Amino acid sequence: MDLRTYQLEAIKTAVYPTQYKVAYPMLGLIGEIGEFKEAIISNDKDRIIKEAGDCCWYAATLAFDLGLHLSDDYHLINETNKNLIFNFNEHRLA
């Protein structure tokens, strides 16, 4: 699934009052980032995957509420950082 499709699917499940349009996903993302950090510290792969998914959902809905499209932003970031390489193998879970 590409980022655009993910974002469109995520917003279908975003149910919160319109007056909290930006605040709800922003505060949710902040909370989920804390849970993601704790999952990483615990080195629990299943929990890390769950919390990463929650962070993605909040990021997708927040971006939508701000009028941003994740796929456009990803291409911009990817192009800007095309020489940046992150070696995930150094950070693999045991």
C-alpha atoms as a PDB file:
ATOM      1  CA  MET A   1       0.000   0.000   0.000  1.00  0.00           C
ATOM      2  CA  ASP A   2       1.403   3.411  -0.902  1.00  0.00           C
ATOM      3  CA  LEU A   3       1.294   6.432   1.401  1.00  0.00           C
ATOM      4  CA  ARG A   4      -1.582   8.098  -0.438  1.00  0.00           C
ATOM      5  CA  THR A   5      -3.781   5.014  -0.155  1.00  0.00           C
ATOM      6  CA  TYR A   6      -2.822   4.551   3.490  1.00  0.00           C
ATOM      7  CA  GLN A   7      -3.758   8.134   4.298  1.00  0.00           C
ATOM      8  CA  LEU A   8      -7.099   7.854   2.501  1.00  0.00           C
ATOM      9  CA  GLU A   9      -7.899   4.635   4.366  1.00  0.00           C
ATOM     10  CA  ALA A  10      -6.814   6.104   7.715  1.00  0.00           C
ATOM     11  CA  ILE A  11      -9.055   9.137   7.426  1.00  0.00           C
ATOM     12  CA  LYS A  12     -12.060   6.885   6.845  1.00  0.00           C
ATOM     13  CA  THR A  13     -11.657   5.703  10.435  1.00  0.00           C
ATOM     14  CA  ALA A  14     -10.895   9.138  11.925  1.00  0.00           C
ATOM     15  CA  VAL A  15     -13.973   9.938  13.978  1.00  0.00           C
ATOM     16  CA  TYR A  16     -13.681  12.958  16.259  1.00  0.00           C
ATOM     17  CA  PRO A  17     -15.478  16.307  16.608  1.00  0.00           C
ATOM     18  CA  THR A  18     -14.554  18.831  13.917  1.00  0.00           C
ATOM     19  CA  GLN A  19     -13.634  21.464  16.494  1.00  0.00           C
ATOM     20  CA  TYR A  20     -10.769  19.135  17.500  1.00  0.00           C
ATOM     21  CA  LYS A  21      -9.764  18.559  13.887  1.00  0.00           C
ATOM     22  CA  VAL A  22      -6.032  19.214  14.402  1.00  0.00           C
ATOM     23  CA  ALA A  23      -5.762  18.956  18.190  1.00  0.00           C
ATOM     24  CA  TYR A  24      -7.090  15.389  18.473  1.00  0.00           C
ATOM     25  CA  PRO A  25      -4.622  13.704  16.114  1.00  0.00           C
ATOM     26  CA  MET A  26      -1.761  15.954  17.274  1.00  0.00           C
ATOM     27  CA  LEU A  27      -2.218  15.018  20.927  1.00  0.00           C
ATOM     28  CA  GLY A  28      -2.793  11.394  19.964  1.00  0.00           C
ATOM     29  CA  LEU A  29       0.455  11.345  18.006  1.00  0.00           C
ATOM     30  CA  ILE A  30       2.360  12.820  20.935  1.00  0.00           C
ATOM     31  CA  GLY A  31       0.988  10.093  23.207  1.00  0.00           C
ATOM     32  CA  GLU A  32       1.722   7.334  20.730  1.00  0.00           C
ATOM     33  CA  ILE A  33       5.305   8.520  20.242  1.00  0.00           C
ATOM     34  CA  GLY A  34       5.798   8.049  23.992  1.00  0.00           C
ATOM     35  CA  GLU A  35       4.350   4.549  23.787  1.00  0.00           C
ATOM     36  CA  PHE A  36       6.545   3.816  20.754  1.00  0.00           C
ATOM     37  CA  LYS A  37       9.616   4.919  22.728  1.00  0.00           C
ATOM     38  CA  GLU A  38       8.650   2.636  25.608  1.00  0.00           C
ATOM     39  CA  ALA A  39       8.142  -0.261  23.206  1.00  0.00           C
ATOM     40  CA  ILE A  40      11.624   0.281  21.779  1.00  0.00           C
ATOM     41  CA  ILE A  41      13.121   0.376  25.259  1.00  0.00           C
ATOM     42  CA  SER A  42      11.359  -2.899  26.123  1.00  0.00           C
ATOM     43  CA  ASN A  43      12.709  -4.446  22.884  1.00  0.00           C
ATOM     44  CA  ASP A  44       9.293  -6.045  22.274  1.00  0.00           C
ATOM     45  CA  LYS A  45       9.010  -6.461  18.504  1.00  0.00           C
ATOM     46  CA  ASP A  46       5.224  -7.005  18.446  1.00  0.00           C
ATOM     47  CA  ARG A  47       4.622  -3.950  20.611  1.00  0.00           C
ATOM     48  CA  ILE A  48       7.007  -1.866  18.487  1.00  0.00           C
ATOM     49  CA  ILE A  49       5.079  -2.806  15.349  1.00  0.00           C
ATOM     50  CA  LYS A  50       1.727  -1.973  16.997  1.00  0.00           C
ATOM     51  CA  GLU A  51       2.914   1.391  18.307  1.00  0.00           C
ATOM     52  CA  ALA A  52       4.558   2.268  14.979  1.00  0.00           C
ATOM     53  CA  GLY A  53       1.226   1.586  13.279  1.00  0.00           C
ATOM     54  CA  ASP A  54      -0.573   3.811  15.763  1.00  0.00           C
ATOM     55  CA  CYS A  55       1.948   6.605  15.115  1.00  0.00           C
ATOM     56  CA  CYS A  56       1.410   6.231  11.370  1.00  0.00           C
ATOM     57  CA  TRP A  57      -2.369   6.482  11.766  1.00  0.00           C
ATOM     58  CA  TYR A  58      -2.157   9.664  13.823  1.00  0.00           C
ATOM     59  CA  ALA A  59       0.450  11.170  11.481  1.00  0.00           C
ATOM     60  CA  ALA A  60      -1.731  10.392   8.453  1.00  0.00           C
ATOM     61  CA  THR A  61      -4.868  11.906   9.981  1.00  0.00           C
ATOM     62  CA  LEU A  62      -3.017  14.948  11.329  1.00  0.00           C
ATOM     63  CA  ALA A  63      -1.439  15.589   7.944  1.00  0.00           C
ATOM     64  CA  PHE A  64      -4.852  15.311   6.290  1.00  0.00           C
ATOM     65  CA  ASP A  65      -6.398  17.727   8.783  1.00  0.00           C
ATOM     66  CA  LEU A  66      -3.586  20.169   7.973  1.00  0.00           C
ATOM     67  CA  GLY A  67      -4.232  19.786   4.235  1.00  0.00           C
ATOM     68  CA  LEU A  68      -1.068  17.795   3.607  1.00  0.00           C
ATOM     69  CA  HIS A  69      -0.674  14.660   1.536  1.00  0.00           C
ATOM     70  CA  LEU A  70       1.845  12.167   2.880  1.00  0.00           C
ATOM     71  CA  SER A  71       2.894  10.925  -0.534  1.00  0.00           C
ATOM     72  CA  ASP A  72       3.771  14.442  -1.741  1.00  0.00           C
ATOM     73  CA  ASP A  73       5.700  15.163   1.432  1.00  0.00           C
ATOM     74  CA  TYR A  74       7.523  11.812   1.249  1.00  0.00           C
ATOM     75  CA  HIS A  75       8.701  12.478  -2.299  1.00  0.00           C
ATOM     76  CA  LEU A  76       9.951  15.918  -1.263  1.00  0.00           C
ATOM     77  CA  ILE A  77      11.805  14.505   1.755  1.00  0.00           C
ATOM     78  CA  ASN A  78      13.133  11.584  -0.261  1.00  0.00           C
ATOM     79  CA  GLU A  79      14.447  13.906  -2.974  1.00  0.00           C
ATOM     80  CA  THR A  80      15.973  16.297  -0.442  1.00  0.00           C
ATOM     81  CA  ASN A  81      17.720  13.496   1.432  1.00  0.00           C
ATOM     82  CA  LYS A  82      18.590  11.194  -1.451  1.00  0.00           C
ATOM     83  CA  ASN A  83      22.181  10.933  -0.263  1.00  0.00           C
ATOM     84  CA  LEU A  84      21.213  10.124   3.328  1.00  0.00           C
ATOM     85  CA  ILE A  85      21.637   6.434   4.121  1.00  0.00           C
ATOM     86  CA  PHE A  86      20.450   4.845   7.340  1.00  0.00           C
ATOM     87  CA  ASN A  87      21.702   1.354   8.009  1.00  0.00           C
ATOM     88  CA  PHE A  88      18.798  -0.430   9.653  1.00  0.00           C
ATOM     89  CA  ASN A  89      20.893  -3.546  10.171  1.00  0.00           C
ATOM     90  CA  GLU A  90      22.818  -1.753  12.918  1.00  0.00           C
ATOM     91  CA  HIS A  91      19.565  -1.214  14.806  1.00  0.00           C
ATOM     92  CA  ARG A  92      17.891  -4.600  14.386  1.00  0.00           C
ATOM     93  CA  LEU A  93      16.068  -6.215  17.239  1.00  0.00           C
ATOM     94  CA  ALA A  94      17.701  -9.289  18.714  1.00  0.00           C
END
